Protein backbone atom coordinates (compact mmCIF):
# COMPACT_ATOMS: atom_id res chain seq x y z
CA MET A 1 -9.52 -37.14 -10.11
CA GLU A 2 -12.04 -34.68 -11.43
CA CYS A 3 -11.20 -30.65 -10.73
CA GLU A 4 -13.94 -29.05 -8.88
CA PHE A 5 -15.32 -26.13 -10.24
CA PRO A 6 -14.18 -22.93 -8.10
CA THR A 7 -18.32 -21.54 -6.97
CA VAL A 8 -16.21 -19.28 -4.46
CA ASN A 9 -13.80 -16.94 -6.30
CA SER A 10 -13.34 -13.19 -7.07
CA ASN A 11 -13.67 -11.54 -10.28
CA SER A 12 -11.43 -10.00 -12.22
CA GLU A 13 -11.95 -6.68 -10.91
CA GLU A 14 -11.26 -7.95 -7.18
CA VAL A 15 -8.60 -9.78 -8.37
CA LEU A 16 -6.47 -6.42 -9.86
CA ASP A 17 -7.72 -4.83 -6.43
CA ILE A 18 -6.02 -7.87 -4.55
CA LEU A 19 -2.69 -7.67 -6.32
CA LYS A 20 -2.65 -3.78 -5.89
CA LYS A 21 -2.81 -4.21 -2.06
CA ILE A 22 -0.21 -7.26 -0.89
CA LYS A 23 2.94 -6.59 -0.48
CA THR A 24 4.20 -10.13 1.62
CA ILE A 25 3.12 -13.68 0.54
CA ALA A 26 3.47 -16.95 2.72
CA VAL A 27 3.75 -19.59 -0.55
CA MET A 28 2.72 -22.72 0.95
CA GLY A 29 4.89 -25.73 -1.08
CA LEU A 30 7.14 -23.56 -2.15
CA SER A 31 9.37 -26.40 -3.62
CA PRO A 32 13.14 -25.39 -4.40
CA ASP A 33 13.37 -27.11 -7.22
CA GLU A 34 13.26 -24.22 -10.26
CA THR A 35 11.37 -26.47 -12.64
CA LYS A 36 8.08 -26.28 -10.65
CA ALA A 37 5.52 -23.58 -10.80
CA SER A 38 5.62 -23.08 -7.01
CA PHE A 39 9.15 -21.88 -7.72
CA TYR A 40 9.28 -19.74 -10.74
CA VAL A 41 5.89 -17.77 -9.62
CA SER A 42 7.36 -17.16 -6.53
CA GLU A 43 10.75 -15.82 -8.08
CA TYR A 44 8.58 -13.74 -10.57
CA MET A 45 6.94 -12.11 -7.93
CA GLN A 46 10.27 -11.59 -5.57
CA LYS A 47 11.73 -9.63 -8.83
CA GLN A 48 8.29 -7.92 -8.90
CA GLY A 49 9.11 -6.67 -5.10
CA TYR A 50 7.14 -8.89 -2.97
CA LYS A 51 8.17 -10.16 0.28
CA ILE A 52 8.13 -14.10 0.27
CA TYR A 53 8.45 -16.35 2.79
CA PRO A 54 8.47 -19.89 1.87
CA VAL A 55 6.46 -22.57 3.71
CA TYR A 56 8.15 -26.05 3.30
CA PRO A 57 9.23 -29.39 5.05
CA LYS A 58 12.54 -29.48 3.73
CA GLY A 59 15.26 -27.04 3.78
CA ASP A 60 16.33 -23.91 5.17
CA THR A 61 16.64 -21.31 2.26
CA ILE A 62 14.64 -20.65 -0.69
CA LEU A 63 14.58 -17.93 -3.12
CA GLY A 64 17.40 -16.52 -0.29
CA GLU A 65 14.16 -16.36 2.03
CA LYS A 66 14.43 -18.47 5.10
CA VAL A 67 12.02 -21.64 5.06
CA TYR A 68 9.53 -21.78 7.70
CA ARG A 69 7.62 -25.32 8.38
CA SER A 70 4.43 -23.75 8.89
CA LEU A 71 2.39 -20.58 8.49
CA SER A 72 2.09 -20.03 11.86
CA GLU A 73 5.54 -19.87 12.10
CA ILE A 74 6.07 -16.51 10.24
CA PRO A 75 6.84 -13.86 12.25
CA GLU A 76 6.32 -11.17 10.18
CA PRO A 77 3.11 -10.06 8.50
CA VAL A 78 1.50 -12.21 6.08
CA ASP A 79 -1.21 -10.07 3.71
CA CYS A 80 -1.65 -13.14 0.97
CA VAL A 81 -1.06 -16.86 1.28
CA ASN A 82 -0.11 -18.89 -2.24
CA ILE A 83 -0.88 -22.53 -2.11
CA PHE A 84 0.76 -24.81 -4.20
CA ARG A 85 -0.46 -27.83 -2.43
CA LYS A 86 -3.37 -30.45 -3.18
CA PRO A 87 -6.94 -29.26 -2.41
CA ALA A 88 -7.24 -31.63 0.25
CA ALA A 89 -4.65 -29.57 2.10
CA ILE A 90 -6.39 -26.43 1.66
CA ALA A 91 -8.70 -26.41 4.65
CA LYS A 92 -6.26 -27.13 7.21
CA ILE A 93 -4.39 -24.18 5.66
CA VAL A 94 -7.20 -22.02 5.68
CA ASP A 95 -7.67 -23.05 9.15
CA GLU A 96 -4.54 -22.00 9.96
CA ALA A 97 -4.46 -18.49 8.07
CA LEU A 98 -7.73 -18.02 10.09
CA THR A 99 -5.58 -17.72 13.42
CA ARG A 100 -3.60 -14.87 12.29
CA ASP A 101 -5.13 -11.24 12.53
CA ASP A 102 -2.64 -10.13 9.15
CA VAL A 103 -4.12 -12.67 6.56
CA LYS A 104 -6.31 -10.69 3.89
CA ILE A 105 -5.92 -13.30 0.89
CA ILE A 106 -6.56 -16.68 0.40
CA TRP A 107 -4.85 -17.49 -3.20
CA THR A 108 -5.00 -20.96 -4.80
CA GLN A 109 -3.26 -22.02 -7.71
CA VAL A 110 -4.79 -23.43 -11.24
CA GLY A 111 -5.82 -26.57 -10.80
CA LEU A 112 -6.61 -25.89 -6.92
CA VAL A 113 -9.77 -25.62 -5.71
CA ASN A 114 -11.87 -26.43 -2.39
CA ASN A 115 -14.57 -24.37 -2.32
CA SER A 116 -16.02 -25.38 1.51
CA ALA A 117 -12.47 -23.50 2.26
CA ALA A 118 -12.60 -20.90 0.49
CA GLN A 119 -16.43 -20.12 1.67
CA LYS A 120 -14.72 -19.96 5.51
CA ALA A 121 -11.96 -17.81 4.88
CA LYS A 122 -14.97 -15.98 2.82
CA GLN A 123 -16.97 -15.49 5.73
CA ALA A 124 -13.93 -14.79 7.83
CA GLY A 125 -13.67 -11.52 5.95
CA LEU A 126 -10.52 -12.56 3.45
CA ASP A 127 -10.65 -12.58 -0.34
CA VAL A 128 -10.50 -15.52 -2.01
CA VAL A 129 -9.30 -16.50 -5.45
CA GLN A 130 -9.04 -19.55 -6.61
CA ASN A 131 -7.81 -21.82 -9.56
CA LYS A 132 -5.51 -19.06 -10.74
CA CYS A 133 -1.97 -18.39 -11.45
CA LEU A 134 -0.39 -15.30 -9.54
CA MET A 135 1.95 -14.51 -11.75
CA VAL A 136 -0.26 -14.82 -14.72
CA GLU A 137 -2.76 -12.26 -12.97
CA HIS A 138 -0.11 -10.14 -12.21
CA ARG A 139 1.40 -10.05 -15.56
CA GLU A 140 -2.11 -9.04 -17.18
CA MET A 141 -2.56 -6.33 -14.46
CA LYS A 142 0.83 -4.85 -15.25
CA GLY A 143 -0.48 -4.82 -19.20
């Protein structure tokens, strides 16, 4: 499958601003498998002081945090939704994020693009970052 080009995306300056203002991250598809990017990226962000909310269909805890089955189950405020799910799942995740008052950022990891979902999020006032690694961008910000 060919990777869609992110036509809706934040620029480098906006990404830097986003990283400075987020404190809580719901990780959609946070696997308990330590070899998966979702695990080590989330572990890195957790070690940098961000609060991680794992969203995964199985298990009770990942990275010492309670696992939720959906974004809507998280009872605490969520600033950023970091997506490690296939592009086809992104639209549903964005729709769920838009039902919450607290979500400010939709972030899709490297290789994950859904421009129509991103446009919908942008039109609702959310910041959108597509096809970028949260960990890599954070490391670059730290210099």
